[in-house]
Structure formats: structure tokens, C-alpha cells
């Protein structure tokens, strides 16, 4: 278990949850111009980072 990936994954997942419920927060983390796309990308990236942190 790699703690760094796990912590980063949790932080990214929290950012994804915030942008999902508050689309105006997307201007601070802009992966895409559309708020829904950005929130889904950050949620997916957070989940992937948590899985990598648990596996590696």
C-alpha cells in the first residue's frame, strides 16, 4: 500500500465531489470548460489514484 497515492486520491476525490455539487468551483480546477465533465474526470481520477494506492 502506497500512502502517497492513497492520500492524493482522497484529495482528488474530495475535489471531484465539491465540483459535482458546486459547479461554479470548476473555475479553480479547469480540466474542461464544462463543469459536469470536469467533476466526472476528477471523480474518476480520484478513484483510480485510491485503487493504485491500495494495490501498489
C-alpha atoms as a PDB file:
ATOM      1  CA  UNK A   1       0.000   0.000   0.000  1.00  0.00           C
ATOM      2  CA  UNK A   2       1.433   3.337  -1.057  1.00  0.00           C
ATOM      3  CA  UNK A   3       0.239   6.054   1.299  1.00  0.00           C
ATOM      4  CA  UNK A   4       1.153   8.941  -1.003  1.00  0.00           C
ATOM      5  CA  UNK A   5      -1.118   7.723  -3.824  1.00  0.00           C
ATOM      6  CA  UNK A   6      -3.870   6.973  -1.329  1.00  0.00           C
ATOM      7  CA  UNK A   7      -3.767  10.470   0.181  1.00  0.00           C
ATOM      8  CA  UNK A   8      -3.596  12.136  -3.242  1.00  0.00           C
ATOM      9  CA  UNK A   9      -6.535  10.018  -4.403  1.00  0.00           C
ATOM     10  CA  UNK A  10      -8.618  11.061  -1.414  1.00  0.00           C
ATOM     11  CA  UNK A  11      -7.795  14.739  -2.006  1.00  0.00           C
ATOM     12  CA  UNK A  12      -8.682  14.485  -5.712  1.00  0.00           C
ATOM     13  CA  UNK A  13     -11.882  12.608  -4.849  1.00  0.00           C
ATOM     14  CA  UNK A  14     -12.893  15.383  -2.432  1.00  0.00           C
ATOM     15  CA  UNK A  15     -12.204  17.951  -5.162  1.00  0.00           C
ATOM     16  CA  UNK A  16     -14.403  15.940  -7.534  1.00  0.00           C
ATOM     17  CA  UNK A  17     -17.239  15.801  -5.019  1.00  0.00           C
ATOM     18  CA  UNK A  18     -17.008  19.561  -4.443  1.00  0.00           C
ATOM     19  CA  UNK A  19     -17.121  20.318  -8.175  1.00  0.00           C
ATOM     20  CA  UNK A  20     -20.007  17.881  -8.635  1.00  0.00           C
ATOM     21  CA  UNK A  21     -22.209  19.656  -6.097  1.00  0.00           C
ATOM     22  CA  UNK A  22     -20.909  23.194  -6.735  1.00  0.00           C
ATOM     23  CA  UNK A  23     -20.271  23.557 -10.496  1.00  0.00           C
ATOM     24  CA  UNK A  24     -19.102  27.161 -10.053  1.00  0.00           C
ATOM     25  CA  UNK A  25     -15.973  25.822  -8.308  1.00  0.00           C
ATOM     26  CA  UNK A  26     -14.771  24.430 -11.655  1.00  0.00           C
ATOM     27  CA  UNK A  27     -13.073  27.709 -12.485  1.00  0.00           C
ATOM     28  CA  UNK A  28     -10.429  26.847  -9.861  1.00  0.00           C
ATOM     29  CA  UNK A  29      -9.646  23.413 -11.366  1.00  0.00           C
ATOM     30  CA  UNK A  30     -10.343  23.598 -15.051  1.00  0.00           C
ATOM     31  CA  UNK A  31      -9.838  20.254 -16.783  1.00  0.00           C
ATOM     32  CA  UNK A  32     -12.622  21.134 -19.221  1.00  0.00           C
ATOM     33  CA  UNK A  33     -14.905  24.086 -19.885  1.00  0.00           C
ATOM     34  CA  UNK A  34     -17.957  22.048 -18.908  1.00  0.00           C
ATOM     35  CA  UNK A  35     -18.487  21.641 -15.150  1.00  0.00           C
ATOM     36  CA  UNK A  36     -20.035  18.165 -15.368  1.00  0.00           C
ATOM     37  CA  UNK A  37     -17.130  16.805 -17.425  1.00  0.00           C
ATOM     38  CA  UNK A  38     -14.582  18.246 -15.008  1.00  0.00           C
ATOM     39  CA  UNK A  39     -16.338  16.793 -11.978  1.00  0.00           C
ATOM     40  CA  UNK A  40     -16.613  13.343 -13.546  1.00  0.00           C
ATOM     41  CA  UNK A  41     -12.951  13.419 -14.601  1.00  0.00           C
ATOM     42  CA  UNK A  42     -11.801  14.363 -11.111  1.00  0.00           C
ATOM     43  CA  UNK A  43     -14.029  11.728  -9.515  1.00  0.00           C
ATOM     44  CA  UNK A  44     -12.637   9.073 -11.863  1.00  0.00           C
ATOM     45  CA  UNK A  45      -9.064  10.203 -11.319  1.00  0.00           C
ATOM     46  CA  UNK A  46      -9.535  10.140  -7.545  1.00  0.00           C
ATOM     47  CA  UNK A  47     -10.922   6.602  -7.635  1.00  0.00           C
ATOM     48  CA  UNK A  48      -8.060   5.434  -9.866  1.00  0.00           C
ATOM     49  CA  UNK A  49      -5.477   7.011  -7.540  1.00  0.00           C
ATOM     50  CA  UNK A  50      -7.044   5.324  -4.497  1.00  0.00           C
ATOM     51  CA  UNK A  51      -7.001   1.942  -6.273  1.00  0.00           C
ATOM     52  CA  UNK A  52      -3.359   2.446  -7.281  1.00  0.00           C
ATOM     53  CA  UNK A  53      -2.519   3.423  -3.708  1.00  0.00           C
ATOM     54  CA  UNK A  54      -4.112   0.257  -2.363  1.00  0.00           C
ATOM     55  CA  UNK A  55      -2.608  -2.098  -4.958  1.00  0.00           C
ATOM     56  CA  UNK A  56       0.962  -0.798  -5.265  1.00  0.00           C
END
